[in-house]
Amino acid sequence: MRVPDRYVALDVETTGFSPQNGDRVIEIGAVAIENQCIIAKFSSLIDVDKMIPWQVQQVHGITNEMLYGEPKTG
């Protein structure tokens, strides 16, 4: 399989695995890659006014305090 010369890799972190139960995306990250080199980066935390369970904080390291003052969802 041939890897494209240019692409964007995305990553998201969430409050859990169940959007139907109110879990939300709390971080979006992206890197643009060209010829196997990172040429641009983007990352943003999102304040969703929902507590992050302790067990989930242990997975990605994002705490409730880190989200205070960050952009809110619509």
C-alpha atoms as a PDB file:
ATOM      1  CA  MET A   1       0.000   0.000   0.000  1.00  0.00           C
ATOM      2  CA  ARG A   2       1.408   3.368  -1.033  1.00  0.00           C
ATOM      3  CA  VAL A   3       1.240   6.191   1.523  1.00  0.00           C
ATOM      4  CA  PRO A   4       0.135   9.524   0.026  1.00  0.00           C
ATOM      5  CA  ASP A   5       2.762  12.290  -0.140  1.00  0.00           C
ATOM      6  CA  ARG A   6       0.434  14.686   1.682  1.00  0.00           C
ATOM      7  CA  TYR A   7      -2.228  14.007   4.317  1.00  0.00           C
ATOM      8  CA  VAL A   8      -3.686  15.141   7.656  1.00  0.00           C
ATOM      9  CA  ALA A   9      -3.803  12.906  10.714  1.00  0.00           C
ATOM     10  CA  LEU A  10      -6.572  13.671  13.235  1.00  0.00           C
ATOM     11  CA  ASP A  11      -6.980  12.771  16.890  1.00  0.00           C
ATOM     12  CA  VAL A  12      -9.821  13.423  19.319  1.00  0.00           C
ATOM     13  CA  GLU A  13     -10.175  12.932  23.055  1.00  0.00           C
ATOM     14  CA  THR A  14     -13.570  12.538  24.706  1.00  0.00           C
ATOM     15  CA  THR A  15     -15.313  12.401  28.069  1.00  0.00           C
ATOM     16  CA  GLY A  16     -16.187   8.746  27.360  1.00  0.00           C
ATOM     17  CA  PHE A  17     -17.372   6.321  24.701  1.00  0.00           C
ATOM     18  CA  SER A  18     -21.148   6.952  24.718  1.00  0.00           C
ATOM     19  CA  PRO A  19     -22.351  10.030  22.788  1.00  0.00           C
ATOM     20  CA  GLN A  20     -25.916   8.795  23.264  1.00  0.00           C
ATOM     21  CA  ASN A  21     -25.307   9.174  27.021  1.00  0.00           C
ATOM     22  CA  GLY A  22     -23.885  12.690  26.730  1.00  0.00           C
ATOM     23  CA  ASP A  23     -20.164  12.031  26.219  1.00  0.00           C
ATOM     24  CA  ARG A  24     -18.488  14.749  24.154  1.00  0.00           C
ATOM     25  CA  VAL A  25     -15.266  15.591  22.319  1.00  0.00           C
ATOM     26  CA  ILE A  26     -12.986  17.671  24.585  1.00  0.00           C
ATOM     27  CA  GLU A  27      -9.853  17.921  22.421  1.00  0.00           C
ATOM     28  CA  ILE A  28      -9.168  18.005  18.702  1.00  0.00           C
ATOM     29  CA  GLY A  29      -5.668  17.612  17.333  1.00  0.00           C
ATOM     30  CA  ALA A  30      -4.340  17.472  13.801  1.00  0.00           C
ATOM     31  CA  VAL A  31      -1.004  17.354  12.015  1.00  0.00           C
ATOM     32  CA  ALA A  32      -0.424  17.991   8.336  1.00  0.00           C
ATOM     33  CA  ILE A  33       2.199  15.675   6.890  1.00  0.00           C
ATOM     34  CA  GLU A  34       4.001  16.126   3.599  1.00  0.00           C
ATOM     35  CA  ASN A  35       6.739  13.793   2.350  1.00  0.00           C
ATOM     36  CA  GLN A  36       6.787  12.093   5.772  1.00  0.00           C
ATOM     37  CA  CYS A  37       7.469  15.402   7.600  1.00  0.00           C
ATOM     38  CA  ILE A  38       5.095  17.318   9.862  1.00  0.00           C
ATOM     39  CA  ILE A  39       4.511  20.698   8.234  1.00  0.00           C
ATOM     40  CA  ALA A  40       1.726  22.077  10.474  1.00  0.00           C
ATOM     41  CA  LYS A  41       0.081  21.299  13.825  1.00  0.00           C
ATOM     42  CA  PHE A  42      -3.249  22.199  15.422  1.00  0.00           C
ATOM     43  CA  SER A  43      -4.670  21.416  18.854  1.00  0.00           C
ATOM     44  CA  SER A  44      -7.619  22.804  20.785  1.00  0.00           C
ATOM     45  CA  LEU A  45      -9.282  21.898  24.058  1.00  0.00           C
ATOM     46  CA  ILE A  46     -13.070  22.318  24.252  1.00  0.00           C
ATOM     47  CA  ASP A  47     -15.087  23.184  27.371  1.00  0.00           C
ATOM     48  CA  VAL A  48     -18.237  21.051  27.185  1.00  0.00           C
ATOM     49  CA  ASP A  49     -19.622  21.836  30.665  1.00  0.00           C
ATOM     50  CA  LYS A  50     -19.481  18.128  31.550  1.00  0.00           C
ATOM     51  CA  MET A  51     -17.362  16.522  34.231  1.00  0.00           C
ATOM     52  CA  ILE A  52     -14.673  14.160  32.977  1.00  0.00           C
ATOM     53  CA  PRO A  53     -14.775  10.898  34.953  1.00  0.00           C
ATOM     54  CA  TRP A  54     -11.585  10.168  36.908  1.00  0.00           C
ATOM     55  CA  GLN A  55     -11.032   6.914  34.991  1.00  0.00           C
ATOM     56  CA  VAL A  56     -11.166   8.786  31.662  1.00  0.00           C
ATOM     57  CA  GLN A  57      -8.748  11.455  32.944  1.00  0.00           C
ATOM     58  CA  GLN A  58      -6.278   8.627  33.616  1.00  0.00           C
ATOM     59  CA  VAL A  59      -6.428   7.598  29.936  1.00  0.00           C
ATOM     60  CA  HIS A  60      -5.750  10.958  28.237  1.00  0.00           C
ATOM     61  CA  GLY A  61      -4.517  13.165  31.072  1.00  0.00           C
ATOM     62  CA  ILE A  62      -7.048  15.950  30.444  1.00  0.00           C
ATOM     63  CA  THR A  63      -8.586  17.274  33.670  1.00  0.00           C
ATOM     64  CA  ASN A  64     -11.727  19.311  34.277  1.00  0.00           C
ATOM     65  CA  GLU A  65      -9.537  22.237  35.355  1.00  0.00           C
ATOM     66  CA  MET A  66      -7.701  22.213  32.013  1.00  0.00           C
ATOM     67  CA  LEU A  67     -10.974  22.900  30.173  1.00  0.00           C
ATOM     68  CA  TYR A  68     -11.955  26.010  32.166  1.00  0.00           C
ATOM     69  CA  GLY A  69     -11.726  29.095  29.944  1.00  0.00           C
ATOM     70  CA  GLU A  70     -11.375  27.079  26.734  1.00  0.00           C
ATOM     71  CA  PRO A  71     -13.812  27.598  23.830  1.00  0.00           C
ATOM     72  CA  LYS A  72     -17.271  26.143  24.468  1.00  0.00           C
ATOM     73  CA  THR A  73     -19.342  24.032  22.119  1.00  0.00           C
ATOM     74  CA  GLY A  74     -22.373  25.542  20.388  1.00  0.00           C
END
